[in-house]
Amino acid sequence: MTRKLPEHERAKQWRQAIGLTIGQLAERTGFDPGSIADIEAGRQRKNGAPISPTVMRRYRMACAAVDAGAEAFDWG
């Protein structure tokens, strides 16, 4: 039986699986590099709130889009 990794550890694995640094992913997705680092470290936001499920979902979608070949996109 394998242990399910915490969401933030899986987030880092998603980025690593597509072979990008934090900076490269930030350039392609519009995420701030500091935000990516916070997501991947499981750090709470400045107000003490955990990173929201919506942000984690957007992060997963961004990694998937880049992996599928999207060069850059606007969350607009």
N, C-alpha and C. Protein backbone atom coordinates (compact mmCIF):
# COMPACT_ATOMS: atom_id res chain seq x y z
N MET A 1 0.85 -1.19 0.00
CA MET A 1 0.00 0.00 0.00
C MET A 1 0.89 1.25 0.00
N THR A 2 0.62 2.16 -0.89
CA THR A 2 1.41 3.38 -0.95
C THR A 2 0.71 4.49 -0.19
N ARG A 3 1.52 5.32 0.41
CA ARG A 3 1.00 6.45 1.16
C ARG A 3 0.64 7.57 0.19
N LYS A 4 -0.50 8.16 0.38
CA LYS A 4 -0.91 9.30 -0.45
C LYS A 4 -0.14 10.53 0.03
N LEU A 5 0.55 11.16 -0.90
CA LEU A 5 1.33 12.34 -0.56
C LEU A 5 0.43 13.54 -0.31
N PRO A 6 0.88 14.43 0.58
CA PRO A 6 0.12 15.68 0.76
C PRO A 6 0.05 16.45 -0.56
N GLU A 7 -0.97 17.24 -0.69
CA GLU A 7 -1.22 18.00 -1.92
C GLU A 7 -0.01 18.83 -2.35
N HIS A 8 0.64 19.49 -1.39
CA HIS A 8 1.77 20.35 -1.75
C HIS A 8 2.96 19.55 -2.28
N GLU A 9 3.17 18.35 -1.77
CA GLU A 9 4.25 17.50 -2.28
C GLU A 9 3.93 17.01 -3.69
N ARG A 10 2.68 16.69 -3.93
CA ARG A 10 2.27 16.30 -5.27
C ARG A 10 2.41 17.46 -6.25
N ALA A 11 2.14 18.69 -5.77
CA ALA A 11 2.27 19.88 -6.62
C ALA A 11 3.70 20.00 -7.14
N LYS A 12 4.66 19.80 -6.26
CA LYS A 12 6.06 19.88 -6.69
C LYS A 12 6.37 18.78 -7.69
N GLN A 13 5.84 17.59 -7.46
CA GLN A 13 6.06 16.48 -8.39
C GLN A 13 5.47 16.76 -9.76
N TRP A 14 4.32 17.45 -9.82
CA TRP A 14 3.72 17.79 -11.11
C TRP A 14 4.67 18.66 -11.91
N ARG A 15 5.22 19.68 -11.24
CA ARG A 15 6.13 20.59 -11.94
C ARG A 15 7.40 19.85 -12.38
N GLN A 16 7.94 19.06 -11.49
CA GLN A 16 9.16 18.33 -11.82
C GLN A 16 8.91 17.33 -12.96
N ALA A 17 7.74 16.75 -12.98
CA ALA A 17 7.42 15.75 -14.01
C ALA A 17 7.41 16.37 -15.41
N ILE A 18 7.08 17.65 -15.49
CA ILE A 18 7.09 18.30 -16.81
C ILE A 18 8.44 18.97 -17.09
N GLY A 19 9.37 18.81 -16.15
CA GLY A 19 10.74 19.23 -16.39
C GLY A 19 11.00 20.73 -16.35
N LEU A 20 10.26 21.44 -15.51
CA LEU A 20 10.43 22.89 -15.45
C LEU A 20 10.88 23.34 -14.07
N THR A 21 11.64 24.43 -14.06
CA THR A 21 11.97 25.09 -12.80
C THR A 21 10.77 25.93 -12.37
N ILE A 22 10.82 26.41 -11.16
CA ILE A 22 9.76 27.31 -10.70
C ILE A 22 9.68 28.53 -11.61
N GLY A 23 10.81 29.09 -11.94
CA GLY A 23 10.83 30.28 -12.81
C GLY A 23 10.24 30.01 -14.19
N GLN A 24 10.57 28.87 -14.76
CA GLN A 24 10.03 28.53 -16.09
C GLN A 24 8.53 28.35 -16.04
N LEU A 25 8.04 27.67 -15.00
CA LEU A 25 6.59 27.48 -14.87
C LEU A 25 5.91 28.83 -14.66
N ALA A 26 6.53 29.70 -13.87
CA ALA A 26 5.95 31.03 -13.64
C ALA A 26 5.83 31.81 -14.94
N GLU A 27 6.87 31.77 -15.77
CA GLU A 27 6.84 32.47 -17.05
C GLU A 27 5.72 31.97 -17.94
N ARG A 28 5.49 30.70 -17.94
CA ARG A 28 4.49 30.13 -18.85
C ARG A 28 3.07 30.24 -18.34
N THR A 29 2.90 30.36 -17.02
CA THR A 29 1.55 30.33 -16.47
C THR A 29 1.06 31.65 -15.89
N GLY A 30 1.98 32.57 -15.62
CA GLY A 30 1.58 33.81 -14.98
C GLY A 30 1.51 33.72 -13.47
N PHE A 31 1.73 32.54 -12.90
CA PHE A 31 1.83 32.41 -11.45
C PHE A 31 3.09 33.13 -11.00
N ASP A 32 3.05 33.76 -9.86
CA ASP A 32 4.22 34.38 -9.27
C ASP A 32 5.16 33.27 -8.77
N PRO A 33 6.47 33.38 -9.01
CA PRO A 33 7.39 32.34 -8.54
C PRO A 33 7.29 32.10 -7.04
N GLY A 34 7.08 33.17 -6.27
CA GLY A 34 6.93 33.01 -4.83
C GLY A 34 5.68 32.22 -4.47
N SER A 35 4.62 32.42 -5.24
CA SER A 35 3.39 31.67 -5.00
C SER A 35 3.59 30.18 -5.30
N ILE A 36 4.32 29.90 -6.38
CA ILE A 36 4.59 28.50 -6.70
C ILE A 36 5.41 27.86 -5.58
N ALA A 37 6.42 28.58 -5.11
CA ALA A 37 7.24 28.06 -4.01
C ALA A 37 6.39 27.81 -2.76
N ASP A 38 5.48 28.74 -2.45
CA ASP A 38 4.60 28.57 -1.30
C ASP A 38 3.69 27.36 -1.47
N ILE A 39 3.11 27.22 -2.66
CA ILE A 39 2.23 26.08 -2.94
C ILE A 39 2.99 24.78 -2.72
N GLU A 40 4.19 24.70 -3.31
CA GLU A 40 4.95 23.46 -3.25
C GLU A 40 5.51 23.16 -1.86
N ALA A 41 5.68 24.18 -1.03
CA ALA A 41 6.18 23.98 0.33
C ALA A 41 5.05 23.76 1.32
N GLY A 42 3.82 23.97 0.87
CA GLY A 42 2.68 23.82 1.76
C GLY A 42 2.56 24.94 2.77
N ARG A 43 3.20 26.08 2.46
CA ARG A 43 3.15 27.21 3.38
C ARG A 43 1.77 27.86 3.35
N GLN A 44 1.40 28.36 4.50
CA GLN A 44 0.14 29.08 4.58
C GLN A 44 0.33 30.49 4.04
N ARG A 45 -0.78 31.06 3.67
CA ARG A 45 -0.75 32.43 3.18
C ARG A 45 -0.44 33.37 4.33
N LYS A 46 -0.13 34.61 4.00
CA LYS A 46 0.28 35.59 5.02
C LYS A 46 -0.78 35.78 6.10
N ASN A 47 -2.04 35.62 5.75
CA ASN A 47 -3.10 35.81 6.74
C ASN A 47 -3.34 34.55 7.57
N GLY A 48 -2.52 33.51 7.36
CA GLY A 48 -2.63 32.28 8.14
C GLY A 48 -3.56 31.25 7.55
N ALA A 49 -4.25 31.62 6.49
CA ALA A 49 -5.17 30.69 5.85
C ALA A 49 -4.39 29.69 4.99
N PRO A 50 -4.85 28.45 4.93
CA PRO A 50 -4.19 27.50 4.04
C PRO A 50 -4.42 27.89 2.58
N ILE A 51 -3.57 27.39 1.72
CA ILE A 51 -3.75 27.64 0.29
C ILE A 51 -5.07 27.00 -0.11
N SER A 52 -5.88 27.75 -0.81
CA SER A 52 -7.24 27.29 -1.10
C SER A 52 -7.26 26.16 -2.13
N PRO A 53 -8.29 25.32 -2.07
CA PRO A 53 -8.44 24.28 -3.07
C PRO A 53 -8.54 24.84 -4.49
N THR A 54 -9.10 26.04 -4.63
CA THR A 54 -9.22 26.66 -5.94
C THR A 54 -7.83 26.98 -6.50
N VAL A 55 -6.95 27.50 -5.68
CA VAL A 55 -5.58 27.79 -6.13
C VAL A 55 -4.87 26.50 -6.50
N MET A 56 -5.03 25.46 -5.70
CA MET A 56 -4.39 24.18 -6.01
C MET A 56 -4.93 23.61 -7.33
N ARG A 57 -6.22 23.76 -7.56
CA ARG A 57 -6.83 23.29 -8.81
C ARG A 57 -6.26 24.07 -10.00
N ARG A 58 -6.12 25.39 -9.85
CA ARG A 58 -5.54 26.21 -10.92
C ARG A 58 -4.09 25.82 -11.18
N TYR A 59 -3.37 25.51 -10.13
CA TYR A 59 -1.98 25.08 -10.28
C TYR A 59 -1.90 23.78 -11.07
N ARG A 60 -2.74 22.81 -10.70
CA ARG A 60 -2.77 21.53 -11.43
C ARG A 60 -3.14 21.75 -12.90
N MET A 61 -4.13 22.60 -13.14
CA MET A 61 -4.54 22.88 -14.52
C MET A 61 -3.41 23.54 -15.30
N ALA A 62 -2.69 24.45 -14.65
CA ALA A 62 -1.58 25.13 -15.31
C ALA A 62 -0.50 24.13 -15.69
N CYS A 63 -0.16 23.24 -14.78
CA CYS A 63 0.86 22.22 -15.08
C CYS A 63 0.39 21.32 -16.23
N ALA A 64 -0.87 20.93 -16.20
CA ALA A 64 -1.41 20.08 -17.26
C ALA A 64 -1.39 20.80 -18.60
N ALA A 65 -1.76 22.08 -18.61
CA ALA A 65 -1.78 22.84 -19.86
C ALA A 65 -0.38 22.98 -20.44
N VAL A 66 0.59 23.27 -19.59
CA VAL A 66 1.97 23.38 -20.06
C VAL A 66 2.46 22.03 -20.57
N ASP A 67 2.14 20.98 -19.85
CA ASP A 67 2.54 19.64 -20.29
C ASP A 67 1.90 19.28 -21.62
N ALA A 68 0.70 19.78 -21.87
CA ALA A 68 0.00 19.49 -23.13
C ALA A 68 0.49 20.36 -24.29
N GLY A 69 1.40 21.30 -23.99
CA GLY A 69 1.98 22.08 -25.07
C GLY A 69 1.64 23.56 -25.07
N ALA A 70 0.86 24.02 -24.12
CA ALA A 70 0.54 25.44 -24.08
C ALA A 70 1.81 26.22 -23.78
N GLU A 71 2.11 27.18 -24.61
CA GLU A 71 3.33 27.98 -24.42
C GLU A 71 3.13 29.02 -23.31
N ALA A 72 1.99 29.66 -23.34
CA ALA A 72 1.65 30.66 -22.33
C ALA A 72 0.15 30.90 -22.42
N PHE A 73 -0.44 31.34 -21.36
CA PHE A 73 -1.86 31.63 -21.38
C PHE A 73 -2.18 32.67 -20.32
N ASP A 74 -3.35 33.27 -20.44
CA ASP A 74 -3.77 34.34 -19.55
C ASP A 74 -4.97 33.86 -18.76
N TRP A 75 -4.86 33.96 -17.44
CA TRP A 75 -5.98 33.53 -16.60
C TRP A 75 -7.13 34.52 -16.64
N GLY A 76 -6.85 35.73 -17.18
CA GLY A 76 -7.82 36.80 -17.32
C GLY A 76 -9.12 36.54 -16.84
